[in-house]
Amino acid sequence: MEGHAGFAEAGQDIVCAAISVLTGTAVNGLERYLSFQPNYKAGDGFLECDLALLESEQDRLIAEAILGTMLLGLQQIQKEYGSRYIKFEQRR
């Protein structure tokens, strides 16, 4: 995740806050339920999580469920507020 939503002023932007909560919660879930600790970097308007050590089928299923749920939430935000404020890019 990178950038800011631009829906409102910093500190008042509910779209940015919602995105931050969803993505941060997903990382917390990955840390809690995977058999390894994923590496991540977070900063102002930036979050990157590395799942390169994802090897077991169980970890893959867990990560897929957590990240899939996060994606559902992000898609709902996009549906409610429009693609002007949230855009997706799929990378592997």
Protein backbone atom coordinates (compact mmCIF):
# COMPACT_ATOMS: atom_id res chain seq x y z
CA MET A 1 0.00 0.00 0.00
CA GLU A 2 1.30 3.42 -0.79
CA GLY A 3 0.01 6.95 -0.91
CA HIS A 4 -2.89 8.73 0.70
CA ALA A 5 -6.54 8.56 -0.31
CA GLY A 6 -7.02 12.30 -0.62
CA PHE A 7 -10.66 12.13 0.44
CA ALA A 8 -10.20 14.79 3.13
CA GLU A 9 -7.48 16.68 5.01
CA ALA A 10 -4.82 14.66 6.80
CA GLY A 11 -6.21 13.59 10.15
CA GLN A 12 -9.79 13.82 8.86
CA ASP A 13 -9.58 11.34 5.97
CA ILE A 14 -11.90 8.45 6.82
CA VAL A 15 -11.03 6.59 3.62
CA CYS A 16 -7.32 6.66 4.42
CA ALA A 17 -8.03 5.64 8.01
CA ALA A 18 -10.21 2.71 6.93
CA ILE A 19 -7.57 1.49 4.48
CA SER A 20 -4.88 1.78 7.14
CA VAL A 21 -6.92 -0.21 9.63
CA LEU A 22 -7.70 -2.98 7.14
CA THR A 23 -4.14 -3.37 5.92
CA GLY A 24 -2.63 -3.09 9.39
CA THR A 25 -5.06 -5.67 10.76
CA ALA A 26 -4.17 -8.03 7.91
CA VAL A 27 -0.48 -7.78 8.80
CA ASN A 28 -1.33 -8.38 12.47
CA GLY A 29 -3.30 -11.47 11.46
CA LEU A 30 -0.43 -12.77 9.34
CA GLU A 31 1.98 -12.26 12.24
CA ARG A 32 -0.35 -14.05 14.63
CA TYR A 33 -1.45 -17.05 12.58
CA LEU A 34 1.41 -17.93 10.22
CA SER A 35 4.16 -20.31 11.33
CA PHE A 36 6.76 -17.60 10.59
CA GLN A 37 6.99 -13.87 11.11
CA PRO A 38 6.51 -12.01 7.82
CA ASN A 39 8.82 -9.09 7.14
CA TYR A 40 7.07 -5.79 6.70
CA LYS A 41 7.87 -2.12 6.38
CA ALA A 42 5.43 0.60 7.40
CA GLY A 43 5.60 4.35 7.23
CA ASP A 44 3.51 7.40 6.46
CA GLY A 45 1.17 6.23 3.70
CA PHE A 46 3.20 3.09 3.06
CA LEU A 47 2.94 -0.58 3.97
CA GLU A 48 4.78 -3.48 2.37
CA CYS A 49 4.62 -7.07 3.56
CA ASP A 50 6.93 -9.81 2.28
CA LEU A 51 5.60 -13.36 2.29
CA ALA A 52 8.60 -14.91 0.51
CA LEU A 53 8.91 -17.53 3.27
CA LEU A 54 5.36 -18.75 2.65
CA GLU A 55 6.02 -22.42 1.96
CA SER A 56 3.55 -24.68 3.75
CA GLU A 57 0.07 -25.36 2.41
CA GLN A 58 -1.42 -24.43 5.78
CA ASP A 59 0.36 -21.05 5.79
CA ARG A 60 -0.74 -20.45 2.19
CA LEU A 61 -4.38 -21.09 3.10
CA ILE A 62 -4.16 -18.85 6.16
CA ALA A 63 -2.53 -16.02 4.20
CA GLU A 64 -5.07 -16.39 1.41
CA ALA A 65 -7.97 -16.12 3.88
CA ILE A 66 -6.53 -13.10 5.68
CA LEU A 67 -5.51 -11.23 2.53
CA GLY A 68 -8.73 -12.18 0.74
CA THR A 69 -10.75 -10.75 3.61
CA MET A 70 -8.64 -7.58 3.52
CA LEU A 71 -9.28 -7.31 -0.22
CA LEU A 72 -13.04 -7.64 0.31
CA GLY A 73 -12.91 -4.73 2.74
CA LEU A 74 -10.81 -2.61 0.37
CA GLN A 75 -13.19 -3.36 -2.51
CA GLN A 76 -16.11 -2.29 -0.34
CA ILE A 77 -14.38 1.00 0.41
CA GLN A 78 -13.78 1.49 -3.31
CA LYS A 79 -17.44 0.75 -4.03
CA GLU A 80 -18.61 3.24 -1.40
CA TYR A 81 -16.16 6.08 -2.11
CA GLY A 82 -15.09 5.50 -5.72
CA SER A 83 -11.91 4.56 -7.52
CA ARG A 84 -10.72 8.15 -7.29
CA TYR A 85 -9.69 7.45 -3.69
CA ILE A 86 -8.55 3.83 -3.81
CA LYS A 87 -6.92 1.90 -6.66
CA PHE A 88 -5.63 -1.66 -6.84
CA GLU A 89 -2.66 -3.10 -8.64
CA GLN A 90 -2.10 -6.84 -8.55
CA ARG A 91 1.54 -7.89 -8.23
CA ARG A 92 3.12 -11.27 -7.66
